[in-house]
C-alpha atoms as a PDB file:
ATOM      1  CA  MET A   1       0.000   0.000   0.000  1.00  0.00           C
ATOM      2  CA  CYS A   2       0.966   3.664   0.061  1.00  0.00           C
ATOM      3  CA  GLY A   3      -0.206   5.292   3.267  1.00  0.00           C
ATOM      4  CA  ARG A   4       2.247   8.143   3.810  1.00  0.00           C
ATOM      5  CA  TYR A   5       4.405  10.284   1.521  1.00  0.00           C
ATOM      6  CA  ALA A   6       6.271  13.589   1.225  1.00  0.00           C
ATOM      7  CA  VAL A   7       5.754  16.485  -1.193  1.00  0.00           C
ATOM      8  CA  THR A   8       7.615  19.784  -1.081  1.00  0.00           C
ATOM      9  CA  ILE A   9       6.985  21.583  -4.381  1.00  0.00           C
ATOM     10  CA  ASP A  10       4.874  24.733  -4.622  1.00  0.00           C
ATOM     11  CA  PRO A  11       1.903  24.196  -6.975  1.00  0.00           C
ATOM     12  CA  ALA A  12       2.821  27.221  -9.098  1.00  0.00           C
ATOM     13  CA  LEU A  13       6.304  25.831  -9.682  1.00  0.00           C
ATOM     14  CA  LEU A  14       4.893  22.373 -10.363  1.00  0.00           C
ATOM     15  CA  ALA A  15       2.501  23.855 -12.929  1.00  0.00           C
ATOM     16  CA  ALA A  16       5.378  25.614 -14.691  1.00  0.00           C
ATOM     17  CA  GLN A  17       7.492  22.457 -14.747  1.00  0.00           C
ATOM     18  CA  ILE A  18       4.833  20.180 -16.268  1.00  0.00           C
ATOM     19  CA  ASP A  19       3.004  22.756 -18.429  1.00  0.00           C
ATOM     20  CA  ALA A  20      -0.169  22.825 -16.353  1.00  0.00           C
ATOM     21  CA  VAL A  21      -2.638  25.419 -15.086  1.00  0.00           C
ATOM     22  CA  ASP A  22      -2.291  26.148 -11.373  1.00  0.00           C
ATOM     23  CA  GLU A  23      -5.765  25.998  -9.812  1.00  0.00           C
ATOM     24  CA  VAL A  24      -4.410  25.885  -6.248  1.00  0.00           C
ATOM     25  CA  SER A  25      -3.791  28.919  -4.069  1.00  0.00           C
ATOM     26  CA  VAL A  26      -1.569  27.789  -1.217  1.00  0.00           C
ATOM     27  CA  VAL A  27      -2.498  28.828   2.295  1.00  0.00           C
ATOM     28  CA  SER A  28       0.202  28.255   4.889  1.00  0.00           C
ATOM     29  CA  PRO A  29      -0.009  27.150   7.535  1.00  0.00           C
ATOM     30  CA  ALA A  30      -3.208  25.243   6.765  1.00  0.00           C
ATOM     31  CA  PRO A  31      -5.026  22.987   9.228  1.00  0.00           C
ATOM     32  CA  ARG A  32      -5.390  19.309   8.429  1.00  0.00           C
ATOM     33  CA  SER A  33      -8.873  19.461   6.968  1.00  0.00           C
ATOM     34  CA  PRO A  34     -10.489  18.298   3.709  1.00  0.00           C
ATOM     35  CA  GLN A  35     -11.928  21.788   3.317  1.00  0.00           C
ATOM     36  CA  GLN A  36      -8.510  23.479   3.388  1.00  0.00           C
ATOM     37  CA  LEU A  37      -5.758  23.748   0.799  1.00  0.00           C
ATOM     38  CA  PRO A  38      -2.595  21.630   1.036  1.00  0.00           C
ATOM     39  CA  THR A  39       0.229  22.590   3.348  1.00  0.00           C
ATOM     40  CA  ILE A  40       3.416  22.846   1.302  1.00  0.00           C
ATOM     41  CA  PRO A  41       5.948  21.500   2.061  1.00  0.00           C
ATOM     42  CA  ASN A  42       4.431  18.454   3.747  1.00  0.00           C
ATOM     43  CA  TYR A  43       6.931  15.810   4.835  1.00  0.00           C
ATOM     44  CA  ASN A  44       4.299  13.496   6.310  1.00  0.00           C
ATOM     45  CA  VAL A  45       1.207  13.486   4.093  1.00  0.00           C
ATOM     46  CA  ALA A  46      -1.442  11.337   5.759  1.00  0.00           C
ATOM     47  CA  PRO A  47      -4.867   9.950   4.776  1.00  0.00           C
ATOM     48  CA  THR A  48      -7.634  12.617   4.567  1.00  0.00           C
ATOM     49  CA  ASP A  49      -5.039  15.395   4.160  1.00  0.00           C
ATOM     50  CA  PRO A  50      -5.643  17.827   1.287  1.00  0.00           C
ATOM     51  CA  VAL A  51      -3.080  16.998  -1.408  1.00  0.00           C
ATOM     52  CA  LEU A  52      -1.858  18.180  -4.800  1.00  0.00           C
ATOM     53  CA  THR A  53      -3.044  16.307  -7.884  1.00  0.00           C
ATOM     54  CA  VAL A  54      -2.702  16.672 -11.647  1.00  0.00           C
ATOM     55  CA  VAL A  55      -5.748  16.186 -13.893  1.00  0.00           C
ATOM     56  CA  ALA A  56      -6.532  16.848 -17.553  1.00  0.00           C
ATOM     57  CA  ARG A  57      -9.845  18.595 -18.206  1.00  0.00           C
ATOM     58  CA  HIS A  58     -11.603  20.544 -20.953  1.00  0.00           C
ATOM     59  CA  HIS A  59     -11.999  24.301 -20.635  1.00  0.00           C
ATOM     60  CA  GLU A  60     -14.668  24.365 -23.336  1.00  0.00           C
ATOM     61  CA  PRO A  61     -16.576  21.415 -24.865  1.00  0.00           C
ATOM     62  CA  GLY A  62     -14.583  19.905 -27.704  1.00  0.00           C
ATOM     63  CA  ASP A  63     -11.267  21.605 -26.973  1.00  0.00           C
ATOM     64  CA  THR A  64      -8.037  19.802 -26.101  1.00  0.00           C
ATOM     65  CA  PRO A  65      -7.864  18.819 -22.425  1.00  0.00           C
ATOM     66  CA  THR A  66      -5.218  20.730 -20.484  1.00  0.00           C
ATOM     67  CA  ARG A  67      -3.294  19.679 -17.408  1.00  0.00           C
ATOM     68  CA  ARG A  68      -4.471  21.300 -14.189  1.00  0.00           C
ATOM     69  CA  ILE A  69      -3.105  21.274 -10.640  1.00  0.00           C
ATOM     70  CA  ARG A  70      -5.947  20.745  -8.163  1.00  0.00           C
ATOM     71  CA  ALA A  71      -6.268  20.230  -4.426  1.00  0.00           C
ATOM     72  CA  MET A  72      -8.124  17.106  -3.328  1.00  0.00           C
ATOM     73  CA  ARG A  73      -8.815  15.123  -0.178  1.00  0.00           C
ATOM     74  CA  TRP A  74      -6.692  11.973  -0.011  1.00  0.00           C
ATOM     75  CA  GLY A  75      -9.217   9.192   0.390  1.00  0.00           C
ATOM     76  CA  LEU A  76     -11.668   8.696  -2.470  1.00  0.00           C
ATOM     77  CA  VAL A  77     -15.323   9.494  -1.768  1.00  0.00           C
ATOM     78  CA  PRO A  78     -17.452   7.792  -4.469  1.00  0.00           C
ATOM     79  CA  ASN A  79     -20.018  10.131  -6.017  1.00  0.00           C
ATOM     80  CA  TRP A  80     -22.792   7.798  -4.840  1.00  0.00           C
ATOM     81  CA  ALA A  81     -21.787   8.002  -1.159  1.00  0.00           C
ATOM     82  CA  LYS A  82     -24.587   9.118   1.177  1.00  0.00           C
ATOM     83  CA  ALA A  83     -24.408  12.310   3.207  1.00  0.00           C
ATOM     84  CA  ARG A  84     -24.531  12.637   6.973  1.00  0.00           C
ATOM     85  CA  ALA A  85     -26.869  15.053   8.727  1.00  0.00           C
ATOM     86  CA  ASP A  86     -24.146  17.710   8.678  1.00  0.00           C
ATOM     87  CA  GLY A  87     -23.803  17.444   4.900  1.00  0.00           C
ATOM     88  CA  ARG A  88     -20.444  15.675   4.928  1.00  0.00           C
ATOM     89  CA  PRO A  89     -19.936  12.270   3.276  1.00  0.00           C
ATOM     90  CA  GLU A  90     -20.830   9.201   5.276  1.00  0.00           C
ATOM     91  CA  SER A  91     -17.715   7.274   6.221  1.00  0.00           C
ATOM     92  CA  LYS A  92     -17.642   3.532   6.770  1.00  0.00           C
ATOM     93  CA  GLY A  93     -14.282   1.971   7.453  1.00  0.00           C
ATOM     94  CA  ALA A  94     -10.855   3.307   6.558  1.00  0.00           C
ATOM     95  CA  PRO A  95     -10.457   6.039   3.912  1.00  0.00           C
ATOM     96  CA  LEU A  96     -10.057   4.718   0.364  1.00  0.00           C
ATOM     97  CA  ILE A  97      -6.470   5.935  -0.010  1.00  0.00           C
ATOM     98  CA  ASN A  98      -5.358   3.114  -2.351  1.00  0.00           C
ATOM     99  CA  ALA A  99      -6.842   1.254  -5.312  1.00  0.00           C
ATOM    100  CA  ARG A 100      -5.337  -1.995  -6.567  1.00  0.00           C
ATOM    101  CA  ALA A 101      -4.279  -1.819 -10.229  1.00  0.00           C
ATOM    102  CA  GLU A 102      -5.343  -5.441 -10.744  1.00  0.00           C
ATOM    103  CA  THR A 103      -9.011  -4.716  -9.969  1.00  0.00           C
ATOM    104  CA  LEU A 104      -9.273  -1.093 -11.048  1.00  0.00           C
ATOM    105  CA  THR A 105     -11.757  -1.780 -13.845  1.00  0.00           C
ATOM    106  CA  THR A 106     -13.867  -4.348 -11.988  1.00  0.00           C
ATOM    107  CA  ALA A 107     -14.190  -2.959  -8.445  1.00  0.00           C
ATOM    108  CA  ALA A 108     -17.501  -1.105  -8.181  1.00  0.00           C
ATOM    109  CA  THR A 109     -15.917   1.677  -6.131  1.00  0.00           C
ATOM    110  CA  PHE A 110     -13.265   2.540  -8.719  1.00  0.00           C
ATOM    111  CA  ARG A 111     -14.322   1.415 -12.204  1.00  0.00           C
ATOM    112  CA  ALA A 112     -16.213   4.603 -13.146  1.00  0.00           C
ATOM    113  CA  ALA A 113     -13.318   6.831 -12.105  1.00  0.00           C
ATOM    114  CA  ALA A 114     -10.888   4.528 -13.932  1.00  0.00           C
ATOM    115  CA  GLN A 115     -12.663   5.323 -17.192  1.00  0.00           C
ATOM    116  CA  SER A 116     -12.680   9.124 -17.116  1.00  0.00           C
ATOM    117  CA  LYS A 117     -11.294  10.533 -13.855  1.00  0.00           C
ATOM    118  CA  ARG A 118      -7.657   9.544 -13.693  1.00  0.00           C
ATOM    119  CA  CYS A 119      -5.067  11.770 -12.059  1.00  0.00           C
ATOM    120  CA  LEU A 120      -1.436  11.929 -11.015  1.00  0.00           C
ATOM    121  CA  VAL A 121      -0.281  12.442  -7.446  1.00  0.00           C
ATOM    122  CA  PRO A 122       3.127  14.204  -7.292  1.00  0.00           C
ATOM    123  CA  MET A 123       5.446  13.205  -4.478  1.00  0.00           C
ATOM    124  CA  ASP A 124       9.090  13.508  -3.516  1.00  0.00           C
ATOM    125  CA  GLY A 125       8.937   9.957  -2.180  1.00  0.00           C
ATOM    126  CA  TRP A 126       6.821   7.609  -0.085  1.00  0.00           C
ATOM    127  CA  TYR A 127       7.170   5.822   3.234  1.00  0.00           C
ATOM    128  CA  GLU A 128       6.625   2.169   3.992  1.00  0.00           C
ATOM    129  CA  TRP A 129       7.065   0.013   7.060  1.00  0.00           C
ATOM    130  CA  ARG A 130       8.678  -3.410   7.213  1.00  0.00           C
ATOM    131  CA  LYS A 131       7.300  -5.699   9.891  1.00  0.00           C
ATOM    132  CA  HIS A 132       9.692  -8.115  11.592  1.00  0.00           C
ATOM    133  CA  ASP A 133       9.414  -9.914  14.946  1.00  0.00           C
ATOM    134  CA  GLY A 134       6.639  -7.640  16.134  1.00  0.00           C
ATOM    135  CA  THR A 135       8.435  -4.412  15.268  1.00  0.00           C
ATOM    136  CA  LYS A 136       7.998  -1.991  12.355  1.00  0.00           C
ATOM    137  CA  THR A 137      10.905  -0.262  10.639  1.00  0.00           C
ATOM    138  CA  ALA A 138      10.231   2.859   8.545  1.00  0.00           C
ATOM    139  CA  PHE A 139      11.729   3.303   5.081  1.00  0.00           C
ATOM    140  CA  TYR A 140      11.627   6.157   2.590  1.00  0.00           C
ATOM    141  CA  MET A 141      11.643   5.485  -1.168  1.00  0.00           C
ATOM    142  CA  HIS A 142      12.574   8.208  -3.664  1.00  0.00           C
ATOM    143  CA  ALA A 143      14.202   8.766  -7.057  1.00  0.00           C
ATOM    144  CA  ASP A 144      17.981   8.400  -6.800  1.00  0.00           C
ATOM    145  CA  ASP A 145      18.495  11.478  -8.993  1.00  0.00           C
ATOM    146  CA  GLY A 146      16.133  13.620  -6.924  1.00  0.00           C
ATOM    147  CA  VAL A 147      13.475  14.029  -9.616  1.00  0.00           C
ATOM    148  CA  ARG A 148       9.839  14.168  -8.586  1.00  0.00           C
ATOM    149  CA  LEU A 149       7.741  11.009  -8.721  1.00  0.00           C
ATOM    150  CA  PHE A 150       4.212  10.865 -10.076  1.00  0.00           C
ATOM    151  CA  ALA A 151       1.889   8.120  -8.858  1.00  0.00           C
ATOM    152  CA  ALA A 152      -1.159   7.064 -10.843  1.00  0.00           C
ATOM    153  CA  GLY A 153      -4.409   7.997  -9.134  1.00  0.00           C
ATOM    154  CA  LEU A 154      -8.168   8.238  -9.521  1.00  0.00           C
ATOM    155  CA  TRP A 155     -10.417  11.095  -8.444  1.00  0.00           C
ATOM    156  CA  SER A 156     -14.049  11.844  -7.782  1.00  0.00           C
ATOM    157  CA  VAL A 157     -16.452  14.760  -7.312  1.00  0.00           C
ATOM    158  CA  TRP A 158     -18.960  14.418  -4.467  1.00  0.00           C
ATOM    159  CA  LYS A 159     -21.902  16.558  -3.361  1.00  0.00           C
ATOM    160  CA  PRO A 160     -24.845  15.695  -1.102  1.00  0.00           C
ATOM    161  CA  ALA A 161     -27.886  14.585  -3.055  1.00  0.00           C
ATOM    162  CA  GLY A 162     -31.069  16.638  -3.338  1.00  0.00           C
ATOM    163  CA  GLN A 163     -31.756  19.891  -1.524  1.00  0.00           C
ATOM    164  CA  GLN A 164     -28.882  19.281   0.853  1.00  0.00           C
ATOM    165  CA  GLY A 165     -26.386  19.705  -1.954  1.00  0.00           C
ATOM    166  CA  LEU A 166     -27.808  22.770  -3.693  1.00  0.00           C
ATOM    167  CA  ASN A 167     -25.467  25.244  -2.015  1.00  0.00           C
ATOM    168  CA  ALA A 168     -22.774  22.795  -0.964  1.00  0.00           C
ATOM    169  CA  ALA A 169     -19.284  23.084  -2.410  1.00  0.00           C
ATOM    170  CA  PRO A 170     -18.199  19.926  -4.248  1.00  0.00           C
ATOM    171  CA  LEU A 171     -15.659  17.729  -2.495  1.00  0.00           C
ATOM    172  CA  LEU A 172     -12.820  16.566  -4.737  1.00  0.00           C
ATOM    173  CA  SER A 173     -11.081  13.430  -3.496  1.00  0.00           C
ATOM    174  CA  CYS A 174      -8.498  11.000  -4.806  1.00  0.00           C
ATOM    175  CA  THR A 175      -6.866   7.634  -4.298  1.00  0.00           C
ATOM    176  CA  ILE A 176      -3.405   6.347  -5.242  1.00  0.00           C
ATOM    177  CA  VAL A 177      -3.169   3.277  -7.467  1.00  0.00           C
ATOM    178  CA  THR A 178      -0.872   0.532  -6.186  1.00  0.00           C
ATOM    179  CA  THR A 179       0.697  -2.504  -7.785  1.00  0.00           C
ATOM    180  CA  ASP A 180       2.811  -5.472  -6.731  1.00  0.00           C
ATOM    181  CA  ALA A 181       6.161  -4.425  -5.317  1.00  0.00           C
ATOM    182  CA  VAL A 182       9.137  -5.594  -7.348  1.00  0.00           C
ATOM    183  CA  GLY A 183      12.817  -6.219  -6.699  1.00  0.00           C
ATOM    184  CA  PRO A 184      14.243  -5.328  -3.282  1.00  0.00           C
ATOM    185  CA  LEU A 185      11.079  -3.374  -2.426  1.00  0.00           C
ATOM    186  CA  GLN A 186       9.356  -6.711  -1.864  1.00  0.00           C
ATOM    187  CA  ASP A 187      11.509  -7.132   1.256  1.00  0.00           C
ATOM    188  CA  ILE A 188       9.808  -4.076   2.765  1.00  0.00           C
ATOM    189  CA  HIS A 189       6.180  -4.395   1.632  1.00  0.00           C
ATOM    190  CA  ASP A 190       4.250  -6.362  -0.982  1.00  0.00           C
ATOM    191  CA  ARG A 191       2.685  -3.243  -2.572  1.00  0.00           C
ATOM    192  CA  MET A 192       4.029   0.002  -4.028  1.00  0.00           C
ATOM    193  CA  PRO A 193       2.573   3.049  -5.814  1.00  0.00           C
ATOM    194  CA  LEU A 194       2.091   2.682  -9.561  1.00  0.00           C
ATOM    195  CA  LEU A 195       4.637   5.238 -10.802  1.00  0.00           C
ATOM    196  CA  LEU A 196       4.250   6.776 -14.268  1.00  0.00           C
ATOM    197  CA  GLY A 197       6.921   8.563 -16.300  1.00  0.00           C
ATOM    198  CA  PRO A 198       6.341  11.680 -18.447  1.00  0.00           C
ATOM    199  CA  ASP A 199       5.828   9.600 -21.591  1.00  0.00           C
ATOM    200  CA  SER A 200       2.747   8.016 -19.962  1.00  0.00           C
ATOM    201  CA  TRP A 201       1.120  11.070 -18.403  1.00  0.00           C
ATOM    202  CA  ASP A 202      -1.068  12.119 -21.318  1.00  0.00           C
ATOM    203  CA  ARG A 203      -2.268   8.580 -21.983  1.00  0.00           C
ATOM    204  CA  TRP A 204      -3.214   8.210 -18.325  1.00  0.00           C
ATOM    205  CA  LEU A 205      -4.822  11.626 -17.854  1.00  0.00           C
ATOM    206  CA  ASP A 206      -6.793  12.035 -21.104  1.00  0.00           C
ATOM    207  CA  PRO A 207     -10.495  11.983 -20.059  1.00  0.00           C
ATOM    208  CA  ASP A 208     -11.579  11.222 -23.633  1.00  0.00           C
ATOM    209  CA  ARG A 209      -9.385   8.167 -23.976  1.00  0.00           C
ATOM    210  CA  ASP A 210     -10.197   4.686 -22.707  1.00  0.00           C
ATOM    211  CA  LEU A 211      -7.958   3.406 -19.965  1.00  0.00           C
ATOM    212  CA  ASP A 212      -4.757   1.975 -21.435  1.00  0.00           C
ATOM    213  CA  GLN A 213      -4.505  -1.353 -19.628  1.00  0.00           C
ATOM    214  CA  SER A 214      -0.792  -1.576 -20.366  1.00  0.00           C
ATOM    215  CA  LEU A 215      -0.190   1.291 -17.944  1.00  0.00           C
ATOM    216  CA  LEU A 216      -1.439  -0.862 -15.067  1.00  0.00           C
ATOM    217  CA  ARG A 217       1.400  -3.362 -15.289  1.00  0.00           C
ATOM    218  CA  ALA A 218       3.874  -3.528 -12.448  1.00  0.00           C
ATOM    219  CA  PRO A 219       7.328  -2.184 -13.373  1.00  0.00           C
ATOM    220  CA  ASP A 220       9.970  -4.632 -14.501  1.00  0.00           C
ATOM    221  CA  SER A 221      12.458  -3.377 -11.924  1.00  0.00           C
ATOM    222  CA  THR A 222      13.090  -0.697  -9.331  1.00  0.00           C
ATOM    223  CA  ALA A 223      15.894   0.925 -11.298  1.00  0.00           C
ATOM    224  CA  GLY A 224      16.252   4.545 -10.260  1.00  0.00           C
ATOM    225  CA  ILE A 225      14.544   4.136  -6.885  1.00  0.00           C
ATOM    226  CA  GLU A 226      16.618   4.539  -3.745  1.00  0.00           C
ATOM    227  CA  THR A 227      15.582   3.266  -0.307  1.00  0.00           C
ATOM    228  CA  ARG A 228      16.721   4.516   3.072  1.00  0.00           C
ATOM    229  CA  HIS A 229      15.892   3.551   6.622  1.00  0.00           C
ATOM    230  CA  VAL A 230      14.423   6.574   8.454  1.00  0.00           C
ATOM    231  CA  SER A 231      13.576   7.197  12.090  1.00  0.00           C
ATOM    232  CA  ALA A 232      10.364   6.306  13.885  1.00  0.00           C
ATOM    233  CA  LEU A 233       9.472  10.005  13.929  1.00  0.00           C
ATOM    234  CA  VAL A 234       7.465   9.424  10.764  1.00  0.00           C
ATOM    235  CA  ASN A 235       5.174   7.058  12.646  1.00  0.00           C
ATOM    236  CA  SER A 236       3.271  10.012  14.101  1.00  0.00           C
ATOM    237  CA  VAL A 237       1.468  12.495  11.857  1.00  0.00           C
ATOM    238  CA  ALA A 238       2.224  15.121  14.495  1.00  0.00           C
ATOM    239  CA  ASN A 239       5.827  15.093  13.228  1.00  0.00           C
ATOM    240  CA  ASN A 240       6.302  16.982   9.994  1.00  0.00           C
ATOM    241  CA  GLY A 241       9.681  18.335   8.921  1.00  0.00           C
ATOM    242  CA  PRO A 242      12.769  17.582   6.803  1.00  0.00           C
ATOM    243  CA  GLU A 243      14.235  15.565   9.683  1.00  0.00           C
ATOM    244  CA  LEU A 244      11.838  12.780   8.709  1.00  0.00           C
ATOM    245  CA  LEU A 245      13.881  12.190   5.542  1.00  0.00           C
ATOM    246  CA  VAL A 246      17.259  11.950   7.276  1.00  0.00           C
ATOM    247  CA  PRO A 247      18.803   8.457   7.048  1.00  0.00           C
ATOM    248  CA  ASP A 248      18.674   6.642  10.384  1.00  0.00           C
ATOM    249  CA  ASP A 249      21.877   4.660  10.924  1.00  0.00           C
ATOM    250  CA  GLY A 250      20.753   3.224  14.227  1.00  0.00           C
ATOM    251  CA  SER A 251      20.564  -0.335  12.906  1.00  0.00           C
ATOM    252  CA  ALA A 252      23.374  -1.881  10.881  1.00  0.00           C
ATOM    253  CA  ALA A 253      20.945  -4.498   9.598  1.00  0.00           C
ATOM    254  CA  VAL A 254      18.558  -2.088   7.918  1.00  0.00           C
ATOM    255  CA  GLY A 255      20.037   1.370   8.408  1.00  0.00           C
ATOM    256  CA  GLU A 256      22.291   1.486   5.375  1.00  0.00           C
ATOM    257  CA  GLN A 257      21.195   3.349   2.281  1.00  0.00           C
ATOM    258  CA  ILE A 258      20.826   1.140  -0.781  1.00  0.00           C
ATOM    259  CA  THR A 259      20.317   1.871  -4.423  1.00  0.00           C
ATOM    260  CA  LEU A 260      17.793  -0.393  -6.077  1.00  0.00           C
ATOM    261  CA  LEU A 261      18.897  -1.664  -9.472  1.00  0.00           C
END
């Protein structure tokens, strides 16, 4: 799975780098709330946080879709979800922060979004925990050359049904697509984010194009991904700073930094 990650780029700079329209006005500091804009930088992005996403949408009917940077709640809320008395979406169970690539087109919760609401989730890297003898060791995965990673995602627009939703602002939410971990990453966790390179972005994002099933395949290797053991500070969402990314050399068994090839 992918349950925690880091992102440090300002949305305006991200928009300039990937030729997108910036639809996010950053407010800092911002409280952890689905109704607020993302806090940037965020070294410990957690489920239900507002996050940066990249979508492709039409400005006018029939024109070419353009890339847009949007803020969304991490944890997909299907458009058919019921509303609570206070007008917020009803929540049953854990937030839908991940969607398995293998069942993307068959799972009732995700198949509609997989057809026309696909997004990218930019990140500097993601965290994962390896379980061993009752303990959990935190690791941070990132590109060895420092470039930004883009995970495949799905998104949704939700509003309360009927009169309750007439004046309600729509809630945009997203989930990160995961696939089988490969190479040395399998020693940490059996799942990893589905990472897409620039040559795949337009095929993934295009709302007028059917889902390209070939993009859902797990990568052949983890070439270019570096893994480091980090401290237990990341375990708590109350901790949020660059110190979370510092290699932790406290354990010779897992503390060394390795390059995945």
